[in-house]
Amino acid sequence: MEAGKCTGCGMCMEVCPHEVFRLEERRAVIAARDRCMECGACEKNCALGALSVSKGVGCASALIGSMITGGPPTCGCGDGGSGNCC
């Protein structure tokens, strides 16, 4: 999040399915990072480019990968990158 680019339009709050953002002093802030599922809706809908999402990392990617492959979720954390941390 590049706070200097944010104008407080609230679009990120509107499109985020997990209420990750809130407004503080007329700017969006990340209020609940652990709720983020890396869908990228906030980034795609931010007209000013104040947000970026690193897709394909973390537990959201691991859970989707496990659904596709039928294996356990592996997100690269835990025991040397092979842990089942989700």
PDB file of N, CA and C in Angstrom:
ATOM      1  N   MET A   1       0.845  -1.180   0.000  1.00  0.00           N
ATOM      2  CA  MET A   1       0.000   0.000   0.000  1.00  0.00           C
ATOM      3  C   MET A   1       0.883   1.234   0.000  1.00  0.00           C
ATOM      4  N   GLU A   2       0.659   2.108  -0.970  1.00  0.00           N
ATOM      5  CA  GLU A   2       1.349   3.390  -1.020  1.00  0.00           C
ATOM      6  C   GLU A   2       0.374   4.465  -0.552  1.00  0.00           C
ATOM      7  N   ALA A   3       0.421   4.750   0.725  1.00  0.00           N
ATOM      8  CA  ALA A   3      -0.537   5.662   1.344  1.00  0.00           C
ATOM      9  C   ALA A   3      -0.562   7.037   0.682  1.00  0.00           C
ATOM     10  N   GLY A   4       0.564   7.496   0.177  1.00  0.00           N
ATOM     11  CA  GLY A   4       0.631   8.803  -0.464  1.00  0.00           C
ATOM     12  C   GLY A   4      -0.198   8.912  -1.730  1.00  0.00           C
ATOM     13  N   LYS A   5      -0.464   7.777  -2.373  1.00  0.00           N
ATOM     14  CA  LYS A   5      -1.274   7.776  -3.588  1.00  0.00           C
ATOM     15  C   LYS A   5      -2.771   7.676  -3.293  1.00  0.00           C
ATOM     16  N   CYS A   6      -3.112   7.234  -2.105  1.00  0.00           N
ATOM     17  CA  CYS A   6      -4.520   7.008  -1.757  1.00  0.00           C
ATOM     18  C   CYS A   6      -5.257   8.332  -1.560  1.00  0.00           C
ATOM     19  N   THR A   7      -6.451   8.423  -2.168  1.00  0.00           N
ATOM     20  CA  THR A   7      -7.293   9.610  -1.992  1.00  0.00           C
ATOM     21  C   THR A   7      -8.489   9.336  -1.090  1.00  0.00           C
ATOM     22  N   GLY A   8      -8.597   8.098  -0.605  1.00  0.00           N
ATOM     23  CA  GLY A   8      -9.690   7.760   0.297  1.00  0.00           C
ATOM     24  C   GLY A   8     -11.015   7.537  -0.401  1.00  0.00           C
ATOM     25  N   CYS A   9     -10.982   7.113  -1.656  1.00  0.00           N
ATOM     26  CA  CYS A   9     -12.234   6.900  -2.392  1.00  0.00           C
ATOM     27  C   CYS A   9     -13.046   5.749  -1.811  1.00  0.00           C
ATOM     28  N   GLY A  10     -12.385   4.805  -1.152  1.00  0.00           N
ATOM     29  CA  GLY A  10     -13.081   3.685  -0.531  1.00  0.00           C
ATOM     30  C   GLY A  10     -13.370   2.515  -1.444  1.00  0.00           C
ATOM     31  N   MET A  11     -12.894   2.559  -2.675  1.00  0.00           N
ATOM     32  CA  MET A  11     -13.163   1.465  -3.607  1.00  0.00           C
ATOM     33  C   MET A  11     -12.582   0.153  -3.094  1.00  0.00           C
ATOM     34  N   CYS A  12     -11.403   0.185  -2.504  1.00  0.00           N
ATOM     35  CA  CYS A  12     -10.789  -1.044  -1.986  1.00  0.00           C
ATOM     36  C   CYS A  12     -11.675  -1.672  -0.913  1.00  0.00           C
ATOM     37  N   MET A  13     -12.271  -0.845  -0.079  1.00  0.00           N
ATOM     38  CA  MET A  13     -13.166  -1.358   0.961  1.00  0.00           C
ATOM     39  C   MET A  13     -14.422  -1.954   0.347  1.00  0.00           C
ATOM     40  N   GLU A  14     -14.879  -1.348  -0.716  1.00  0.00           N
ATOM     41  CA  GLU A  14     -16.097  -1.820  -1.378  1.00  0.00           C
ATOM     42  C   GLU A  14     -15.904  -3.175  -2.052  1.00  0.00           C
ATOM     43  N   VAL A  15     -14.747  -3.393  -2.678  1.00  0.00           N
ATOM     44  CA  VAL A  15     -14.539  -4.617  -3.440  1.00  0.00           C
ATOM     45  C   VAL A  15     -13.889  -5.743  -2.642  1.00  0.00           C
ATOM     46  N   CYS A  16     -13.310  -5.454  -1.499  1.00  0.00           N
ATOM     47  CA  CYS A  16     -12.628  -6.483  -0.706  1.00  0.00           C
ATOM     48  C   CYS A  16     -13.653  -7.408  -0.051  1.00  0.00           C
ATOM     49  N   PRO A  17     -13.585  -8.718  -0.353  1.00  0.00           N
ATOM     50  CA  PRO A  17     -14.566  -9.639   0.204  1.00  0.00           C
ATOM     51  C   PRO A  17     -14.341  -9.973   1.680  1.00  0.00           C
ATOM     52  N   HIS A  18     -13.214  -9.549   2.250  1.00  0.00           N
ATOM     53  CA  HIS A  18     -12.913  -9.916   3.633  1.00  0.00           C
ATOM     54  C   HIS A  18     -12.639  -8.734   4.555  1.00  0.00           C
ATOM     55  N   GLU A  19     -13.064  -7.549   4.151  1.00  0.00           N
ATOM     56  CA  GLU A  19     -12.962  -6.347   4.986  1.00  0.00           C
ATOM     57  C   GLU A  19     -11.546  -6.128   5.528  1.00  0.00           C
ATOM     58  N   VAL A  20     -10.570  -6.151   4.623  1.00  0.00           N
ATOM     59  CA  VAL A  20      -9.175  -5.959   4.986  1.00  0.00           C
ATOM     60  C   VAL A  20      -8.869  -4.488   5.258  1.00  0.00           C
ATOM     61  N   PHE A  21      -9.604  -3.580   4.617  1.00  0.00           N
ATOM     62  CA  PHE A  21      -9.307  -2.146   4.688  1.00  0.00           C
ATOM     63  C   PHE A  21     -10.307  -1.381   5.544  1.00  0.00           C
ATOM     64  N   ARG A  22      -9.861  -0.225   6.012  1.00  0.00           N
ATOM     65  CA  ARG A  22     -10.750   0.755   6.644  1.00  0.00           C
ATOM     66  C   ARG A  22     -10.178   2.138   6.353  1.00  0.00           C
ATOM     67  N   LEU A  23     -10.993   3.155   6.505  1.00  0.00           N
ATOM     68  CA  LEU A  23     -10.540   4.533   6.291  1.00  0.00           C
ATOM     69  C   LEU A  23     -10.098   5.142   7.612  1.00  0.00           C
ATOM     70  N   GLU A  24      -8.956   5.788   7.574  1.00  0.00           N
ATOM     71  CA  GLU A  24      -8.443   6.557   8.705  1.00  0.00           C
ATOM     72  C   GLU A  24      -7.913   7.862   8.161  1.00  0.00           C
ATOM     73  N   GLU A  25      -8.414   8.946   8.673  1.00  0.00           N
ATOM     74  CA  GLU A  25      -7.985  10.281   8.252  1.00  0.00           C
ATOM     75  C   GLU A  25      -8.031  10.433   6.735  1.00  0.00           C
ATOM     76  N   ARG A  26      -9.128   9.990   6.152  1.00  0.00           N
ATOM     77  CA  ARG A  26      -9.404  10.116   4.715  1.00  0.00           C
ATOM     78  C   ARG A  26      -8.422   9.340   3.833  1.00  0.00           C
ATOM     79  N   ARG A  27      -7.876   8.274   4.353  1.00  0.00           N
ATOM     80  CA  ARG A  27      -6.989   7.387   3.593  1.00  0.00           C
ATOM     81  C   ARG A  27      -7.327   5.944   3.965  1.00  0.00           C
ATOM     82  N   ALA A  28      -7.214   5.058   2.999  1.00  0.00           N
ATOM     83  CA  ALA A  28      -7.410   3.640   3.288  1.00  0.00           C
ATOM     84  C   ALA A  28      -6.176   3.100   3.989  1.00  0.00           C
ATOM     85  N   VAL A  29      -6.395   2.240   4.943  1.00  0.00           N
ATOM     86  CA  VAL A  29      -5.301   1.556   5.630  1.00  0.00           C
ATOM     87  C   VAL A  29      -5.626   0.068   5.679  1.00  0.00           C
ATOM     88  N   ILE A  30      -4.586  -0.735   5.725  1.00  0.00           N
ATOM     89  CA  ILE A  30      -4.764  -2.181   5.858  1.00  0.00           C
ATOM     90  C   ILE A  30      -5.007  -2.450   7.333  1.00  0.00           C
ATOM     91  N   ALA A  31      -6.221  -2.848   7.650  1.00  0.00           N
ATOM     92  CA  ALA A  31      -6.617  -3.042   9.037  1.00  0.00           C
ATOM     93  C   ALA A  31      -6.549  -4.502   9.468  1.00  0.00           C
ATOM     94  N   ALA A  32      -6.653  -5.430   8.526  1.00  0.00           N
ATOM     95  CA  ALA A  32      -6.677  -6.853   8.871  1.00  0.00           C
ATOM     96  C   ALA A  32      -5.937  -7.654   7.803  1.00  0.00           C
ATOM     97  N   ARG A  33      -4.632  -7.535   7.779  1.00  0.00           N
ATOM     98  CA  ARG A  33      -3.798  -8.196   6.762  1.00  0.00           C
ATOM     99  C   ARG A  33      -4.025  -9.701   6.738  1.00  0.00           C
ATOM    100  N   ASP A  34      -4.252 -10.306   7.896  1.00  0.00           N
ATOM    101  CA  ASP A  34      -4.424 -11.749   7.962  1.00  0.00           C
ATOM    102  C   ASP A  34      -5.713 -12.239   7.301  1.00  0.00           C
ATOM    103  N   ARG A  35      -6.632 -11.341   7.010  1.00  0.00           N
ATOM    104  CA  ARG A  35      -7.872 -11.718   6.309  1.00  0.00           C
ATOM    105  C   ARG A  35      -7.704 -11.736   4.790  1.00  0.00           C
ATOM    106  N   CYS A  36      -6.613 -11.176   4.286  1.00  0.00           N
ATOM    107  CA  CYS A  36      -6.410 -11.061   2.840  1.00  0.00           C
ATOM    108  C   CYS A  36      -6.258 -12.435   2.209  1.00  0.00           C
ATOM    109  N   MET A  37      -7.018 -12.680   1.131  1.00  0.00           N
ATOM    110  CA  MET A  37      -6.924 -13.956   0.417  1.00  0.00           C
ATOM    111  C   MET A  37      -6.229 -13.789  -0.930  1.00  0.00           C
ATOM    112  N   GLU A  38      -5.600 -12.639  -1.133  1.00  0.00           N
ATOM    113  CA  GLU A  38      -4.789 -12.357  -2.320  1.00  0.00           C
ATOM    114  C   GLU A  38      -5.581 -12.416  -3.625  1.00  0.00           C
ATOM    115  N   CYS A  39      -6.835 -12.028  -3.587  1.00  0.00           N
ATOM    116  CA  CYS A  39      -7.649 -12.085  -4.807  1.00  0.00           C
ATOM    117  C   CYS A  39      -7.286 -10.992  -5.797  1.00  0.00           C
ATOM    118  N   GLY A  40      -6.737  -9.881  -5.317  1.00  0.00           N
ATOM    119  CA  GLY A  40      -6.317  -8.791  -6.188  1.00  0.00           C
ATOM    120  C   GLY A  40      -7.412  -7.813  -6.569  1.00  0.00           C
ATOM    121  N   ALA A  41      -8.607  -7.963  -6.012  1.00  0.00           N
ATOM    122  CA  ALA A  41      -9.710  -7.053  -6.352  1.00  0.00           C
ATOM    123  C   ALA A  41      -9.373  -5.606  -5.996  1.00  0.00           C
ATOM    124  N   CYS A  42      -8.710  -5.405  -4.882  1.00  0.00           N
ATOM    125  CA  CYS A  42      -8.357  -4.047  -4.467  1.00  0.00           C
ATOM    126  C   CYS A  42      -7.395  -3.411  -5.464  1.00  0.00           C
ATOM    127  N   GLU A  43      -6.389  -4.164  -5.867  1.00  0.00           N
ATOM    128  CA  GLU A  43      -5.402  -3.647  -6.822  1.00  0.00           C
ATOM    129  C   GLU A  43      -6.049  -3.326  -8.163  1.00  0.00           C
ATOM    130  N   LYS A  44      -6.887  -4.212  -8.645  1.00  0.00           N
ATOM    131  CA  LYS A  44      -7.531  -4.010  -9.947  1.00  0.00           C
ATOM    132  C   LYS A  44      -8.481  -2.827  -9.952  1.00  0.00           C
ATOM    133  N   ASN A  45      -9.049  -2.502  -8.802  1.00  0.00           N
ATOM    134  CA  ASN A  45     -10.036  -1.431  -8.726  1.00  0.00           C
ATOM    135  C   ASN A  45      -9.500  -0.124  -8.177  1.00  0.00           C
ATOM    136  N   CYS A  46      -8.206  -0.057  -7.879  1.00  0.00           N
ATOM    137  CA  CYS A  46      -7.608   1.185  -7.396  1.00  0.00           C
ATOM    138  C   CYS A  46      -7.119   1.988  -8.605  1.00  0.00           C
ATOM    139  N   ALA A  47      -7.838   3.013  -8.932  1.00  0.00           N
ATOM    140  CA  ALA A  47      -7.529   3.822 -10.114  1.00  0.00           C
ATOM    141  C   ALA A  47      -6.184   4.543 -10.009  1.00  0.00           C
ATOM    142  N   LEU A  48      -5.710   4.755  -8.805  1.00  0.00           N
ATOM    143  CA  LEU A  48      -4.472   5.507  -8.605  1.00  0.00           C
ATOM    144  C   LEU A  48      -3.251   4.620  -8.392  1.00  0.00           C
ATOM    145  N   GLY A  49      -3.432   3.316  -8.383  1.00  0.00           N
ATOM    146  CA  GLY A  49      -2.303   2.406  -8.214  1.00  0.00           C
ATOM    147  C   GLY A  49      -1.684   2.437  -6.831  1.00  0.00           C
ATOM    148  N   ALA A  50      -2.497   2.710  -5.825  1.00  0.00           N
ATOM    149  CA  ALA A  50      -1.981   2.774  -4.459  1.00  0.00           C
ATOM    150  C   ALA A  50      -1.790   1.392  -3.845  1.00  0.00           C
ATOM    151  N   LEU A  51      -2.338   0.372  -4.471  1.00  0.00           N
ATOM    152  CA  LEU A  51      -2.274  -0.986  -3.919  1.00  0.00           C
ATOM    153  C   LEU A  51      -1.611  -1.953  -4.875  1.00  0.00           C
ATOM    154  N   SER A  52      -0.886  -2.901  -4.318  1.00  0.00           N
ATOM    155  CA  SER A  52      -0.361  -3.997  -5.122  1.00  0.00           C
ATOM    156  C   SER A  52      -0.486  -5.271  -4.300  1.00  0.00           C
ATOM    157  N   VAL A  53      -0.776  -6.359  -4.980  1.00  0.00           N
ATOM    158  CA  VAL A  53      -0.968  -7.646  -4.325  1.00  0.00           C
ATOM    159  C   VAL A  53      -0.016  -8.642  -4.959  1.00  0.00           C
ATOM    160  N   SER A  54       0.755  -9.313  -4.132  1.00  0.00           N
ATOM    161  CA  SER A  54       1.648 -10.371  -4.612  1.00  0.00           C
ATOM    162  C   SER A  54       0.848 -11.668  -4.633  1.00  0.00           C
ATOM    163  N   LYS A  55       0.293 -11.963  -5.779  1.00  0.00           N
ATOM    164  CA  LYS A  55      -0.539 -13.149  -5.911  1.00  0.00           C
ATOM    165  C   LYS A  55       0.334 -14.393  -5.986  1.00  0.00           C
ATOM    166  N   GLY A  56      -0.224 -15.493  -5.536  1.00  0.00           N
ATOM    167  CA  GLY A  56       0.483 -16.754  -5.626  1.00  0.00           C
ATOM    168  C   GLY A  56       1.441 -17.004  -4.484  1.00  0.00           C
ATOM    169  N   VAL A  57       1.323 -16.259  -3.418  1.00  0.00           N
ATOM    170  CA  VAL A  57       2.137 -16.502  -2.234  1.00  0.00           C
ATOM    171  C   VAL A  57       1.215 -16.701  -1.053  1.00  0.00           C
ATOM    172  N   GLY A  58       1.683 -17.328  -0.042  1.00  0.00           N
ATOM    173  CA  GLY A  58       0.911 -17.455   1.178  1.00  0.00           C
ATOM    174  C   GLY A  58      -0.140 -18.538   1.138  1.00  0.00           C
ATOM    175  N   CYS A  59      -0.974 -18.522   2.139  1.00  0.00           N
ATOM    176  CA  CYS A  59      -1.927 -19.609   2.346  1.00  0.00           C
ATOM    177  C   CYS A  59      -3.061 -19.640   1.332  1.00  0.00           C
ATOM    178  N   ALA A  60      -3.452 -18.497   0.785  1.00  0.00           N
ATOM    179  CA  ALA A  60      -4.525 -18.522  -0.221  1.00  0.00           C
ATOM    180  C   ALA A  60      -4.083 -19.335  -1.425  1.00  0.00           C
ATOM    181  N   SER A  61      -2.878 -19.107  -1.880  1.00  0.00           N
ATOM    182  CA  SER A  61      -2.348 -19.860  -3.005  1.00  0.00           C
ATOM    183  C   SER A  61      -2.205 -21.329  -2.653  1.00  0.00           C
ATOM    184  N   ALA A  62      -1.759 -21.621  -1.439  1.00  0.00           N
ATOM    185  CA  ALA A  62      -1.585 -23.006  -1.008  1.00  0.00           C
ATOM    186  C   ALA A  62      -2.917 -23.750  -0.985  1.00  0.00           C
ATOM    187  N   LEU A  63      -3.946 -23.106  -0.498  1.00  0.00           N
ATOM    188  CA  LEU A  63      -5.262 -23.758  -0.443  1.00  0.00           C
ATOM    189  C   LEU A  63      -5.823 -24.016  -1.831  1.00  0.00           C
ATOM    190  N   ILE A  64      -5.665 -23.062  -2.721  1.00  0.00           N
ATOM    191  CA  ILE A  64      -6.134 -23.250  -4.097  1.00  0.00           C
ATOM    192  C   ILE A  64      -5.338 -24.361  -4.769  1.00  0.00           C
ATOM    193  N   GLY A  65      -4.031 -24.355  -4.569  1.00  0.00           N
ATOM    194  CA  GLY A  65      -3.188 -25.401  -5.139  1.00  0.00           C
ATOM    195  C   GLY A  65      -3.570 -26.777  -4.640  1.00  0.00           C
ATOM    196  N   SER A  66      -3.889 -26.887  -3.365  1.00  0.00           N
ATOM    197  CA  SER A  66      -4.269 -28.188  -2.817  1.00  0.00           C
ATOM    198  C   SER A  66      -5.603 -28.665  -3.382  1.00  0.00           C
ATOM    199  N   MET A  67      -6.509 -27.747  -3.668  1.00  0.00           N
ATOM    200  CA  MET A  67      -7.789 -28.128  -4.275  1.00  0.00           C
ATOM    201  C   MET A  67      -7.568 -28.648  -5.696  1.00  0.00           C
ATOM    202  N   ILE A  68      -6.644 -28.046  -6.407  1.00  0.00           N
ATOM    203  CA  ILE A  68      -6.368 -28.456  -7.786  1.00  0.00           C
ATOM    204  C   ILE A  68      -5.649 -29.798  -7.830  1.00  0.00           C
ATOM    205  N   THR A  69      -4.630 -29.948  -6.972  1.00  0.00           N
ATOM    206  CA  THR A  69      -3.813 -31.159  -7.019  1.00  0.00           C
ATOM    207  C   THR A  69      -4.336 -32.285  -6.150  1.00  0.00           C
ATOM    208  N   GLY A  70      -5.186 -31.972  -5.189  1.00  0.00           N
ATOM    209  CA  GLY A  70      -5.695 -32.990  -4.273  1.00  0.00           C
ATOM    210  C   GLY A  70      -4.740 -33.297  -3.133  1.00  0.00           C
ATOM    211  N   GLY A  71      -3.622 -32.583  -3.070  1.00  0.00           N
ATOM    212  CA  GLY A  71      -2.644 -32.793  -2.011  1.00  0.00           C
ATOM    213  C   GLY A  71      -2.852 -31.825  -0.861  1.00  0.00           C
ATOM    214  N   PRO A  72      -1.971 -31.882   0.126  1.00  0.00           N
ATOM    215  CA  PRO A  72      -2.079 -30.958   1.258  1.00  0.00           C
ATOM    216  C   PRO A  72      -1.654 -29.549   0.864  1.00  0.00           C
ATOM    217  N   PRO A  73      -2.177 -28.536   1.528  1.00  0.00           N
ATOM    218  CA  PRO A  73      -1.753 -27.161   1.234  1.00  0.00           C
ATOM    219  C   PRO A  73      -0.322 -26.936   1.691  1.00  0.00           C
ATOM    220  N   THR A  74       0.516 -26.423   0.792  1.00  0.00           N
ATOM    221  CA  THR A  74       1.905 -26.130   1.104  1.00  0.00           C
ATOM    222  C   THR A  74       2.208 -24.716   0.633  1.00  0.00           C
ATOM    223  N   CYS A  75       2.490 -23.834   1.573  1.00  0.00           N
ATOM    224  CA  CYS A  75       2.699 -22.433   1.202  1.00  0.00           C
ATOM    225  C   CYS A  75       4.140 -21.982   1.343  1.00  0.00           C
ATOM    226  N   GLY A  76       5.059 -22.897   1.541  1.00  0.00           N
ATOM    227  CA  GLY A  76       6.468 -22.514   1.576  1.00  0.00           C
ATOM    228  C   GLY A  76       6.949 -22.020   2.919  1.00  0.00           C
ATOM    229  N   CYS A  77       6.152 -22.157   3.936  1.00  0.00           N
ATOM    230  CA  CYS A  77       6.633 -21.785   5.269  1.00  0.00           C
ATOM    231  C   CYS A  77       6.726 -23.055   6.103  1.00  0.00           C
ATOM    232  N   GLY A  78       7.154 -22.927   7.295  1.00  0.00           N
ATOM    233  CA  GLY A  78       7.261 -24.114   8.143  1.00  0.00           C
ATOM    234  C   GLY A  78       8.626 -24.740   8.022  1.00  0.00           C
ATOM    235  N   ASP A  79       8.683 -26.035   7.812  1.00  0.00           N
ATOM    236  CA  ASP A  79       9.962 -26.752   7.855  1.00  0.00           C
ATOM    237  C   ASP A  79      10.690 -26.713   6.522  1.00  0.00           C
ATOM    238  N   GLY A  80      11.370 -25.628   6.267  1.00  0.00           N
ATOM    239  CA  GLY A  80      12.201 -25.510   5.070  1.00  0.00           C
ATOM    240  C   GLY A  80      11.439 -25.428   3.775  1.00  0.00           C
ATOM    241  N   GLY A  81      10.214 -24.948   3.807  1.00  0.00           N
ATOM    242  CA  GLY A  81       9.451 -24.762   2.583  1.00  0.00           C
ATOM    243  C   GLY A  81       8.587 -25.936   2.197  1.00  0.00           C
ATOM    244  N   SER A  82       8.626 -27.024   2.964  1.00  0.00           N
ATOM    245  CA  SER A  82       7.773 -28.153   2.617  1.00  0.00           C
ATOM    246  C   SER A  82       6.698 -28.389   3.653  1.00  0.00           C
ATOM    247  N   GLY A  83       6.531 -27.428   4.529  1.00  0.00           N
ATOM    248  CA  GLY A  83       5.580 -27.599   5.625  1.00  0.00           C
ATOM    249  C   GLY A  83       4.133 -27.449   5.202  1.00  0.00           C
ATOM    250  N   ASN A  84       3.281 -28.049   5.972  1.00  0.00           N
ATOM    251  CA  ASN A  84       1.840 -27.940   5.775  1.00  0.00           C
ATOM    252  C   ASN A  84       1.350 -26.926   6.789  1.00  0.00           C
ATOM    253  N   CYS A  85       1.454 -25.652   6.468  1.00  0.00           N
ATOM    254  CA  CYS A  85       1.231 -24.601   7.459  1.00  0.00           C
ATOM    255  C   CYS A  85      -0.140 -23.969   7.426  1.00  0.00           C
ATOM    256  N   CYS A  86      -0.979 -24.370   6.525  1.00  0.00           N
ATOM    257  CA  CYS A  86      -2.260 -23.687   6.402  1.00  0.00           C
ATOM    258  C   CYS A  86      -3.343 -24.394   7.197  1.00  0.00           C
TER     259      CYS A  86
END
